[in-house]
Amino acid sequence: MLMRLLAALVVALFALPVHAQQADLLDQAIADATRTFERALPQLGATMMGVDTNAYRDALKARRFHSARTGGARDVIFVIENSENGPCARFAAYVAGVANSDAAHMFLCPQFFTPDADLLRETTILHEMVHVVAGTDECQAMAFTAQVQMLARGSFVPVERYWKANGCVGSRYKLPD
């Protein structure tokens, strides 16, 4: 019994720095995404590509926004996943509903925390926040994210392969030139 307790204590002590490091990376990604969005915001309208830019800004900055889809306020909750199963086998993050919760949950997968992947994390936050605010359309999320990055810094993270794989070439959304 004492050995089990000792083993659990050792695991907990080593897990704490990892969780703290993940929280720091998440905070930095949100800050980077917010800066990028704020730089682009003066060039955006009240809506862009079907995304309410005020709700998006509130979700990004305050982690709470008014949802036109539900008609009420919603919180954004970030959940750090430790498993590479399910959606985490394919994605760095995903948004999903949680039973008995009015909040929007963004699940961050192990890939999100890859070392030296700051731009991936920023892009992922920008992209997934579209799903939080506007819905499940991958083409919309990619196009919105690319446009925000283009307006903010004159370039965007290349997504052509993912764009084609999701059938976005013929969609109503376009990537910046």
N, C-alpha and C. Protein backbone atom coordinates (compact mmCIF):
# COMPACT_ATOMS: atom_id res chain seq x y z
N MET A 1 0.82 -1.19 0.00
CA MET A 1 0.00 0.00 0.00
C MET A 1 0.87 1.26 0.00
N LEU A 2 1.90 1.27 0.82
CA LEU A 2 2.80 2.40 0.89
C LEU A 2 3.52 2.61 -0.44
N MET A 3 3.88 1.52 -1.10
CA MET A 3 4.57 1.62 -2.40
C MET A 3 3.64 2.24 -3.45
N ARG A 4 2.37 1.86 -3.43
CA ARG A 4 1.42 2.43 -4.38
C ARG A 4 1.26 3.93 -4.15
N LEU A 5 1.16 4.31 -2.90
CA LEU A 5 1.03 5.72 -2.55
C LEU A 5 2.27 6.49 -2.99
N LEU A 6 3.44 5.93 -2.73
CA LEU A 6 4.69 6.55 -3.13
C LEU A 6 4.78 6.67 -4.66
N ALA A 7 4.39 5.62 -5.36
CA ALA A 7 4.42 5.65 -6.83
C ALA A 7 3.46 6.71 -7.37
N ALA A 8 2.28 6.81 -6.78
CA ALA A 8 1.30 7.82 -7.21
C ALA A 8 1.83 9.22 -6.95
N LEU A 9 2.50 9.41 -5.84
CA LEU A 9 3.07 10.70 -5.50
C LEU A 9 4.16 11.09 -6.49
N VAL A 10 5.02 10.16 -6.85
CA VAL A 10 6.09 10.43 -7.82
C VAL A 10 5.49 10.80 -9.17
N VAL A 11 4.49 10.05 -9.62
CA VAL A 11 3.83 10.36 -10.89
C VAL A 11 3.22 11.75 -10.85
N ALA A 12 2.55 12.08 -9.76
CA ALA A 12 1.92 13.39 -9.62
C ALA A 12 2.95 14.51 -9.65
N LEU A 13 4.06 14.32 -9.00
CA LEU A 13 5.10 15.35 -8.98
C LEU A 13 5.68 15.59 -10.37
N PHE A 14 5.86 14.53 -11.13
CA PHE A 14 6.40 14.70 -12.48
C PHE A 14 5.34 15.21 -13.45
N ALA A 15 4.07 14.93 -13.20
CA ALA A 15 2.99 15.38 -14.08
C ALA A 15 2.72 16.87 -13.93
N LEU A 16 2.92 17.42 -12.74
CA LEU A 16 2.65 18.83 -12.51
C LEU A 16 3.42 19.75 -13.45
N PRO A 17 4.72 19.60 -13.60
CA PRO A 17 5.43 20.50 -14.51
C PRO A 17 4.96 20.36 -15.96
N VAL A 18 4.59 19.15 -16.37
CA VAL A 18 4.10 18.96 -17.73
C VAL A 18 2.80 19.73 -17.91
N HIS A 19 1.89 19.59 -16.97
CA HIS A 19 0.61 20.29 -17.07
C HIS A 19 0.82 21.80 -17.03
N ALA A 20 1.70 22.27 -16.17
CA ALA A 20 2.00 23.70 -16.09
C ALA A 20 2.62 24.19 -17.40
N GLN A 21 3.50 23.39 -17.98
CA GLN A 21 4.12 23.75 -19.25
C GLN A 21 3.06 23.81 -20.35
N GLN A 22 2.13 22.86 -20.36
CA GLN A 22 1.05 22.87 -21.35
C GLN A 22 0.18 24.11 -21.17
N ALA A 23 -0.12 24.46 -19.94
CA ALA A 23 -0.93 25.65 -19.66
C ALA A 23 -0.22 26.90 -20.16
N ASP A 24 1.09 26.97 -19.96
CA ASP A 24 1.87 28.11 -20.45
C ASP A 24 1.84 28.18 -21.97
N LEU A 25 1.98 27.03 -22.64
CA LEU A 25 1.93 27.01 -24.11
C LEU A 25 0.55 27.42 -24.61
N LEU A 26 -0.50 26.97 -23.93
CA LEU A 26 -1.85 27.37 -24.30
C LEU A 26 -2.04 28.87 -24.12
N ASP A 27 -1.63 29.40 -22.99
CA ASP A 27 -1.75 30.85 -22.75
C ASP A 27 -1.01 31.64 -23.82
N GLN A 28 0.18 31.19 -24.20
CA GLN A 28 0.95 31.87 -25.23
C GLN A 28 0.25 31.79 -26.58
N ALA A 29 -0.32 30.63 -26.90
CA ALA A 29 -1.03 30.46 -28.17
C ALA A 29 -2.24 31.38 -28.24
N ILE A 30 -2.97 31.48 -27.14
CA ILE A 30 -4.14 32.38 -27.11
C ILE A 30 -3.69 33.82 -27.27
N ALA A 31 -2.62 34.20 -26.58
CA ALA A 31 -2.09 35.57 -26.70
C ALA A 31 -1.64 35.85 -28.13
N ASP A 32 -0.94 34.91 -28.75
CA ASP A 32 -0.49 35.09 -30.14
C ASP A 32 -1.68 35.21 -31.09
N ALA A 33 -2.66 34.33 -30.92
CA ALA A 33 -3.86 34.36 -31.78
C ALA A 33 -4.62 35.67 -31.59
N THR A 34 -4.71 36.13 -30.36
CA THR A 34 -5.40 37.39 -30.08
C THR A 34 -4.69 38.56 -30.75
N ARG A 35 -3.36 38.61 -30.65
CA ARG A 35 -2.60 39.68 -31.30
C ARG A 35 -2.81 39.66 -32.82
N THR A 36 -2.76 38.48 -33.40
CA THR A 36 -2.95 38.37 -34.84
C THR A 36 -4.35 38.84 -35.23
N PHE A 37 -5.36 38.39 -34.50
CA PHE A 37 -6.73 38.79 -34.80
C PHE A 37 -6.90 40.30 -34.61
N GLU A 38 -6.36 40.85 -33.54
CA GLU A 38 -6.49 42.29 -33.28
C GLU A 38 -5.84 43.13 -34.39
N ARG A 39 -4.73 42.64 -34.95
CA ARG A 39 -4.08 43.34 -36.07
C ARG A 39 -4.98 43.34 -37.31
N ALA A 40 -5.70 42.26 -37.52
CA ALA A 40 -6.57 42.14 -38.69
C ALA A 40 -7.92 42.82 -38.49
N LEU A 41 -8.37 42.96 -37.26
CA LEU A 41 -9.72 43.41 -36.95
C LEU A 41 -10.13 44.72 -37.64
N PRO A 42 -9.28 45.75 -37.71
CA PRO A 42 -9.72 46.98 -38.37
C PRO A 42 -10.11 46.79 -39.84
N GLN A 43 -9.64 45.72 -40.45
CA GLN A 43 -9.93 45.46 -41.86
C GLN A 43 -11.10 44.49 -42.04
N LEU A 44 -11.65 44.00 -40.94
CA LEU A 44 -12.77 43.06 -40.99
C LEU A 44 -14.07 43.82 -40.79
N GLY A 45 -15.13 43.30 -41.33
CA GLY A 45 -16.45 43.87 -41.08
C GLY A 45 -17.05 43.28 -39.82
N ALA A 46 -18.32 43.57 -39.61
CA ALA A 46 -19.03 43.00 -38.46
C ALA A 46 -19.11 41.49 -38.58
N THR A 47 -19.18 41.03 -39.81
CA THR A 47 -19.09 39.59 -40.08
C THR A 47 -18.15 39.40 -41.26
N MET A 48 -17.45 38.30 -41.23
CA MET A 48 -16.59 37.92 -42.36
C MET A 48 -16.76 36.42 -42.54
N MET A 49 -17.13 36.05 -43.75
CA MET A 49 -17.32 34.63 -44.09
C MET A 49 -18.31 33.96 -43.15
N GLY A 50 -19.30 34.71 -42.70
CA GLY A 50 -20.32 34.15 -41.82
C GLY A 50 -19.92 34.09 -40.35
N VAL A 51 -18.78 34.65 -40.01
CA VAL A 51 -18.31 34.66 -38.62
C VAL A 51 -18.56 36.05 -38.03
N ASP A 52 -19.30 36.11 -36.94
CA ASP A 52 -19.53 37.36 -36.22
C ASP A 52 -18.21 37.75 -35.55
N THR A 53 -17.58 38.81 -36.06
CA THR A 53 -16.24 39.16 -35.58
C THR A 53 -16.24 39.66 -34.13
N ASN A 54 -17.33 40.27 -33.68
CA ASN A 54 -17.40 40.69 -32.28
C ASN A 54 -17.49 39.48 -31.36
N ALA A 55 -18.33 38.51 -31.72
CA ALA A 55 -18.44 37.29 -30.91
C ALA A 55 -17.11 36.54 -30.91
N TYR A 56 -16.46 36.50 -32.08
CA TYR A 56 -15.17 35.82 -32.20
C TYR A 56 -14.14 36.49 -31.28
N ARG A 57 -14.07 37.83 -31.33
CA ARG A 57 -13.13 38.56 -30.48
C ARG A 57 -13.41 38.28 -29.00
N ASP A 58 -14.68 38.31 -28.61
CA ASP A 58 -15.04 38.04 -27.22
C ASP A 58 -14.66 36.63 -26.81
N ALA A 59 -14.91 35.66 -27.68
CA ALA A 59 -14.56 34.26 -27.38
C ALA A 59 -13.06 34.12 -27.20
N LEU A 60 -12.30 34.80 -28.05
CA LEU A 60 -10.84 34.72 -28.01
C LEU A 60 -10.27 35.44 -26.79
N LYS A 61 -10.76 36.64 -26.51
CA LYS A 61 -10.18 37.46 -25.44
C LYS A 61 -10.78 37.16 -24.06
N ALA A 62 -12.09 37.00 -24.00
CA ALA A 62 -12.76 36.85 -22.71
C ALA A 62 -13.19 35.42 -22.42
N ARG A 63 -13.06 34.56 -23.44
CA ARG A 63 -13.49 33.16 -23.33
C ARG A 63 -14.98 33.06 -22.97
N ARG A 64 -15.72 34.07 -23.41
CA ARG A 64 -17.17 34.13 -23.25
C ARG A 64 -17.70 35.00 -24.38
N PHE A 65 -18.80 34.57 -25.01
CA PHE A 65 -19.34 35.32 -26.13
C PHE A 65 -20.84 35.11 -26.22
N HIS A 66 -21.50 36.01 -26.95
CA HIS A 66 -22.93 35.85 -27.21
C HIS A 66 -23.07 35.05 -28.50
N SER A 67 -23.76 33.94 -28.41
CA SER A 67 -23.93 33.04 -29.55
C SER A 67 -25.22 33.35 -30.29
N ALA A 68 -25.09 33.73 -31.56
CA ALA A 68 -26.27 33.94 -32.39
C ALA A 68 -27.00 32.62 -32.63
N ARG A 69 -26.25 31.52 -32.60
CA ARG A 69 -26.86 30.20 -32.83
C ARG A 69 -27.75 29.77 -31.68
N THR A 70 -27.32 30.02 -30.44
CA THR A 70 -28.10 29.58 -29.29
C THR A 70 -28.91 30.71 -28.67
N GLY A 71 -28.58 31.95 -29.03
CA GLY A 71 -29.29 33.10 -28.49
C GLY A 71 -28.86 33.50 -27.09
N GLY A 72 -27.81 32.88 -26.58
CA GLY A 72 -27.36 33.20 -25.22
C GLY A 72 -25.86 33.29 -25.12
N ALA A 73 -25.41 33.61 -23.93
CA ALA A 73 -23.97 33.69 -23.69
C ALA A 73 -23.41 32.28 -23.52
N ARG A 74 -22.20 32.09 -24.03
CA ARG A 74 -21.52 30.79 -23.90
C ARG A 74 -20.10 31.03 -23.44
N ASP A 75 -19.63 30.15 -22.59
CA ASP A 75 -18.23 30.17 -22.17
C ASP A 75 -17.43 29.27 -23.11
N VAL A 76 -16.15 29.57 -23.22
CA VAL A 76 -15.22 28.71 -23.95
C VAL A 76 -14.34 28.03 -22.91
N ILE A 77 -14.34 26.71 -22.92
CA ILE A 77 -13.55 25.94 -21.96
C ILE A 77 -12.51 25.14 -22.73
N PHE A 78 -11.27 25.28 -22.33
CA PHE A 78 -10.17 24.54 -22.94
C PHE A 78 -9.92 23.28 -22.12
N VAL A 79 -9.83 22.15 -22.81
CA VAL A 79 -9.61 20.86 -22.16
C VAL A 79 -8.34 20.24 -22.74
N ILE A 80 -7.37 19.95 -21.91
CA ILE A 80 -6.13 19.32 -22.37
C ILE A 80 -6.31 17.81 -22.37
N GLU A 81 -6.20 17.23 -23.55
CA GLU A 81 -6.32 15.78 -23.73
C GLU A 81 -4.93 15.16 -23.63
N ASN A 82 -4.83 14.04 -22.97
CA ASN A 82 -3.54 13.34 -22.88
C ASN A 82 -3.47 12.12 -23.78
N SER A 83 -4.59 11.78 -24.39
CA SER A 83 -4.65 10.60 -25.24
C SER A 83 -4.52 10.98 -26.71
N GLU A 84 -3.90 10.12 -27.48
CA GLU A 84 -3.81 10.33 -28.92
C GLU A 84 -4.83 9.49 -29.66
N ASN A 85 -5.89 9.08 -28.97
CA ASN A 85 -6.96 8.29 -29.57
C ASN A 85 -8.09 9.21 -30.02
N GLY A 86 -9.07 8.63 -30.71
CA GLY A 86 -10.24 9.40 -31.16
C GLY A 86 -9.81 10.53 -32.07
N PRO A 87 -10.45 11.69 -31.95
CA PRO A 87 -10.09 12.82 -32.80
C PRO A 87 -8.62 13.25 -32.65
N CYS A 88 -8.03 12.99 -31.48
CA CYS A 88 -6.63 13.37 -31.27
C CYS A 88 -5.66 12.55 -32.11
N ALA A 89 -6.12 11.46 -32.69
CA ALA A 89 -5.27 10.68 -33.59
C ALA A 89 -5.04 11.44 -34.90
N ARG A 90 -5.93 12.40 -35.22
CA ARG A 90 -5.84 13.12 -36.49
C ARG A 90 -5.64 14.62 -36.35
N PHE A 91 -5.97 15.19 -35.22
CA PHE A 91 -5.99 16.64 -35.10
C PHE A 91 -5.16 17.14 -33.92
N ALA A 92 -4.76 18.42 -34.01
CA ALA A 92 -4.09 19.08 -32.90
C ALA A 92 -5.10 19.55 -31.86
N ALA A 93 -6.33 19.79 -32.33
CA ALA A 93 -7.41 20.23 -31.44
C ALA A 93 -8.74 19.99 -32.14
N TYR A 94 -9.79 20.03 -31.36
CA TYR A 94 -11.13 19.93 -31.93
C TYR A 94 -12.13 20.52 -30.96
N VAL A 95 -13.28 20.92 -31.49
CA VAL A 95 -14.35 21.47 -30.68
C VAL A 95 -15.48 20.45 -30.66
N ALA A 96 -16.01 20.20 -29.49
CA ALA A 96 -17.12 19.26 -29.36
C ALA A 96 -18.01 19.67 -28.20
N GLY A 97 -19.26 19.33 -28.33
CA GLY A 97 -20.19 19.57 -27.25
C GLY A 97 -19.96 18.57 -26.13
N VAL A 98 -20.33 18.95 -24.95
CA VAL A 98 -20.23 18.08 -23.79
C VAL A 98 -21.63 18.01 -23.17
N ALA A 99 -22.08 16.81 -22.85
CA ALA A 99 -23.41 16.63 -22.29
C ALA A 99 -23.62 17.52 -21.07
N ASN A 100 -24.81 18.08 -20.98
CA ASN A 100 -25.22 18.92 -19.84
C ASN A 100 -24.36 20.16 -19.67
N SER A 101 -23.84 20.70 -20.76
CA SER A 101 -23.03 21.91 -20.68
C SER A 101 -23.42 22.85 -21.81
N ASP A 102 -23.60 24.11 -21.47
CA ASP A 102 -23.87 25.12 -22.48
C ASP A 102 -22.59 25.74 -23.01
N ALA A 103 -21.47 25.34 -22.46
CA ALA A 103 -20.17 25.90 -22.87
C ALA A 103 -19.69 25.24 -24.16
N ALA A 104 -18.83 25.95 -24.86
CA ALA A 104 -18.14 25.39 -26.02
C ALA A 104 -16.81 24.84 -25.51
N HIS A 105 -16.54 23.58 -25.78
CA HIS A 105 -15.32 22.92 -25.29
C HIS A 105 -14.34 22.74 -26.44
N MET A 106 -13.14 23.29 -26.27
CA MET A 106 -12.06 23.09 -27.23
C MET A 106 -11.08 22.11 -26.60
N PHE A 107 -10.95 20.96 -27.22
CA PHE A 107 -10.06 19.91 -26.73
C PHE A 107 -8.71 20.04 -27.42
N LEU A 108 -7.65 20.12 -26.64
CA LEU A 108 -6.29 20.28 -27.15
C LEU A 108 -5.56 18.96 -27.02
N CYS A 109 -5.12 18.45 -28.15
CA CYS A 109 -4.50 17.12 -28.23
C CYS A 109 -2.99 17.22 -28.03
N PRO A 110 -2.33 16.08 -27.79
CA PRO A 110 -0.88 16.10 -27.60
C PRO A 110 -0.13 16.81 -28.74
N GLN A 111 -0.59 16.65 -29.98
CA GLN A 111 0.07 17.31 -31.12
C GLN A 111 0.11 18.83 -30.96
N PHE A 112 -0.90 19.40 -30.30
CA PHE A 112 -0.95 20.85 -30.07
C PHE A 112 0.27 21.32 -29.30
N PHE A 113 0.79 20.47 -28.44
CA PHE A 113 1.89 20.84 -27.55
C PHE A 113 3.26 20.42 -28.09
N THR A 114 3.35 20.12 -29.38
CA THR A 114 4.62 19.77 -30.01
C THR A 114 5.63 20.90 -29.76
N PRO A 115 6.85 20.57 -29.36
CA PRO A 115 7.86 21.61 -29.13
C PRO A 115 8.13 22.44 -30.40
N ASP A 116 8.40 23.71 -30.20
CA ASP A 116 8.76 24.62 -31.29
C ASP A 116 7.69 24.71 -32.37
N ALA A 117 6.43 24.67 -31.97
CA ALA A 117 5.32 24.74 -32.93
C ALA A 117 4.38 25.90 -32.59
N ASP A 118 4.98 27.05 -32.28
CA ASP A 118 4.18 28.20 -31.87
C ASP A 118 3.17 28.61 -32.94
N LEU A 119 3.59 28.63 -34.20
CA LEU A 119 2.69 29.04 -35.28
C LEU A 119 1.56 28.03 -35.46
N LEU A 120 1.85 26.74 -35.30
CA LEU A 120 0.79 25.72 -35.35
C LEU A 120 -0.24 25.99 -34.25
N ARG A 121 0.23 26.28 -33.06
CA ARG A 121 -0.69 26.53 -31.94
C ARG A 121 -1.55 27.78 -32.20
N GLU A 122 -0.92 28.85 -32.66
CA GLU A 122 -1.69 30.07 -32.96
C GLU A 122 -2.74 29.79 -34.03
N THR A 123 -2.31 29.14 -35.11
CA THR A 123 -3.23 28.83 -36.21
C THR A 123 -4.36 27.93 -35.73
N THR A 124 -4.05 26.98 -34.89
CA THR A 124 -5.06 26.06 -34.37
C THR A 124 -6.09 26.81 -33.53
N ILE A 125 -5.65 27.71 -32.68
CA ILE A 125 -6.59 28.49 -31.86
C ILE A 125 -7.47 29.34 -32.77
N LEU A 126 -6.87 30.04 -33.74
CA LEU A 126 -7.66 30.86 -34.67
C LEU A 126 -8.70 30.00 -35.39
N HIS A 127 -8.28 28.85 -35.88
CA HIS A 127 -9.15 27.95 -36.64
C HIS A 127 -10.27 27.39 -35.76
N GLU A 128 -9.93 26.82 -34.63
CA GLU A 128 -10.94 26.18 -33.78
C GLU A 128 -11.92 27.19 -33.20
N MET A 129 -11.48 28.43 -33.00
CA MET A 129 -12.39 29.45 -32.48
C MET A 129 -13.50 29.75 -33.49
N VAL A 130 -13.23 29.57 -34.78
CA VAL A 130 -14.30 29.70 -35.78
C VAL A 130 -15.37 28.65 -35.51
N HIS A 131 -14.96 27.42 -35.22
CA HIS A 131 -15.92 26.36 -34.91
C HIS A 131 -16.71 26.70 -33.64
N VAL A 132 -16.05 27.26 -32.66
CA VAL A 132 -16.72 27.64 -31.41
C VAL A 132 -17.84 28.64 -31.71
N VAL A 133 -17.55 29.64 -32.53
CA VAL A 133 -18.48 30.74 -32.75
C VAL A 133 -19.46 30.47 -33.89
N ALA A 134 -18.99 29.84 -34.98
CA ALA A 134 -19.79 29.79 -36.20
C ALA A 134 -20.27 28.41 -36.63
N GLY A 135 -19.68 27.34 -36.14
CA GLY A 135 -20.14 26.02 -36.55
C GLY A 135 -19.04 25.12 -37.06
N THR A 136 -19.44 24.06 -37.75
CA THR A 136 -18.52 22.96 -38.05
C THR A 136 -17.88 22.99 -39.43
N ASP A 137 -18.12 24.00 -40.22
CA ASP A 137 -17.61 24.03 -41.60
C ASP A 137 -16.09 24.21 -41.62
N GLU A 138 -15.38 23.16 -42.03
CA GLU A 138 -13.91 23.20 -42.08
C GLU A 138 -13.41 24.23 -43.09
N CYS A 139 -14.10 24.34 -44.23
CA CYS A 139 -13.67 25.28 -45.26
C CYS A 139 -13.78 26.72 -44.74
N GLN A 140 -14.86 27.01 -44.04
CA GLN A 140 -15.06 28.33 -43.44
C GLN A 140 -13.95 28.62 -42.44
N ALA A 141 -13.65 27.66 -41.58
CA ALA A 141 -12.63 27.86 -40.54
C ALA A 141 -11.25 28.08 -41.16
N MET A 142 -10.92 27.29 -42.19
CA MET A 142 -9.61 27.47 -42.83
C MET A 142 -9.52 28.81 -43.56
N ALA A 143 -10.56 29.17 -44.30
CA ALA A 143 -10.54 30.42 -45.06
C ALA A 143 -10.49 31.63 -44.13
N PHE A 144 -11.28 31.61 -43.07
CA PHE A 144 -11.30 32.71 -42.11
C PHE A 144 -9.93 32.87 -41.47
N THR A 145 -9.36 31.77 -41.01
CA THR A 145 -8.05 31.81 -40.36
C THR A 145 -6.98 32.33 -41.31
N ALA A 146 -6.98 31.84 -42.54
CA ALA A 146 -6.00 32.28 -43.54
C ALA A 146 -6.16 33.78 -43.82
N GLN A 147 -7.40 34.25 -43.93
CA GLN A 147 -7.63 35.67 -44.21
C GLN A 147 -7.17 36.53 -43.04
N VAL A 148 -7.46 36.12 -41.82
CA VAL A 148 -7.01 36.87 -40.65
C VAL A 148 -5.48 36.95 -40.63
N GLN A 149 -4.82 35.83 -40.86
CA GLN A 149 -3.35 35.83 -40.89
C GLN A 149 -2.82 36.71 -42.02
N MET A 150 -3.44 36.64 -43.19
CA MET A 150 -3.00 37.44 -44.33
C MET A 150 -3.13 38.94 -44.03
N LEU A 151 -4.26 39.33 -43.47
CA LEU A 151 -4.47 40.74 -43.14
C LEU A 151 -3.52 41.21 -42.04
N ALA A 152 -3.20 40.33 -41.11
CA ALA A 152 -2.35 40.70 -39.97
C ALA A 152 -0.88 40.77 -40.34
N ARG A 153 -0.41 39.88 -41.23
CA ARG A 153 1.03 39.84 -41.47
C ARG A 153 1.45 39.64 -42.92
N GLY A 154 0.48 39.61 -43.83
CA GLY A 154 0.82 39.52 -45.25
C GLY A 154 1.07 38.11 -45.75
N SER A 155 0.88 37.11 -44.91
CA SER A 155 1.02 35.71 -45.32
C SER A 155 0.16 34.86 -44.39
N PHE A 156 -0.06 33.61 -44.81
CA PHE A 156 -0.83 32.70 -43.96
C PHE A 156 -0.20 31.33 -44.02
N VAL A 157 -0.50 30.53 -43.01
CA VAL A 157 0.03 29.17 -42.94
C VAL A 157 -0.56 28.36 -44.09
N PRO A 158 0.27 27.74 -44.91
CA PRO A 158 -0.24 26.96 -46.05
C PRO A 158 -1.14 25.81 -45.59
N VAL A 159 -2.31 25.72 -46.23
CA VAL A 159 -3.26 24.66 -45.88
C VAL A 159 -3.81 23.95 -47.12
N GLU A 160 -3.10 24.07 -48.24
CA GLU A 160 -3.62 23.55 -49.50
C GLU A 160 -3.99 22.07 -49.44
N ARG A 161 -3.14 21.25 -48.86
CA ARG A 161 -3.42 19.82 -48.80
C ARG A 161 -4.70 19.54 -47.99
N TYR A 162 -4.80 20.16 -46.83
CA TYR A 162 -5.98 20.01 -45.97
C TYR A 162 -7.21 20.60 -46.67
N TRP A 163 -7.01 21.70 -47.38
CA TRP A 163 -8.07 22.37 -48.13
C TRP A 163 -8.66 21.41 -49.17
N LYS A 164 -7.80 20.77 -49.93
CA LYS A 164 -8.24 19.81 -50.96
C LYS A 164 -8.87 18.58 -50.33
N ALA A 165 -8.26 18.06 -49.27
CA ALA A 165 -8.76 16.85 -48.62
C ALA A 165 -10.17 17.04 -48.06
N ASN A 166 -10.52 18.27 -47.72
CA ASN A 166 -11.85 18.56 -47.17
C ASN A 166 -12.84 19.03 -48.22
N GLY A 167 -12.44 18.96 -49.50
CA GLY A 167 -13.35 19.34 -50.58
C GLY A 167 -13.66 20.82 -50.64
N CYS A 168 -12.73 21.64 -50.19
CA CYS A 168 -12.97 23.08 -50.13
C CYS A 168 -12.74 23.80 -51.45
N VAL A 169 -12.07 23.14 -52.40
CA VAL A 169 -11.76 23.79 -53.68
C VAL A 169 -13.03 24.30 -54.34
N GLY A 170 -14.11 23.56 -54.28
CA GLY A 170 -15.37 23.97 -54.90
C GLY A 170 -16.34 24.64 -53.95
N SER A 171 -15.88 24.98 -52.76
CA SER A 171 -16.78 25.57 -51.76
C SER A 171 -16.96 27.07 -52.02
N ARG A 172 -17.84 27.68 -51.25
CA ARG A 172 -18.06 29.13 -51.38
C ARG A 172 -16.94 29.94 -50.73
N TYR A 173 -16.04 29.28 -50.02
CA TYR A 173 -14.94 29.96 -49.35
C TYR A 173 -13.69 29.89 -50.19
N LYS A 174 -12.85 30.90 -50.08
CA LYS A 174 -11.60 30.96 -50.84
C LYS A 174 -10.45 31.32 -49.91
N LEU A 175 -9.28 30.80 -50.23
CA LEU A 175 -8.06 31.20 -49.52
C LEU A 175 -7.55 32.50 -50.13
N PRO A 176 -6.83 33.30 -49.37
CA PRO A 176 -6.27 34.54 -49.92
C PRO A 176 -5.29 34.25 -51.05
N ASP A 177 -5.13 35.22 -51.93
CA ASP A 177 -4.16 35.08 -53.04
C ASP A 177 -2.76 35.37 -52.57
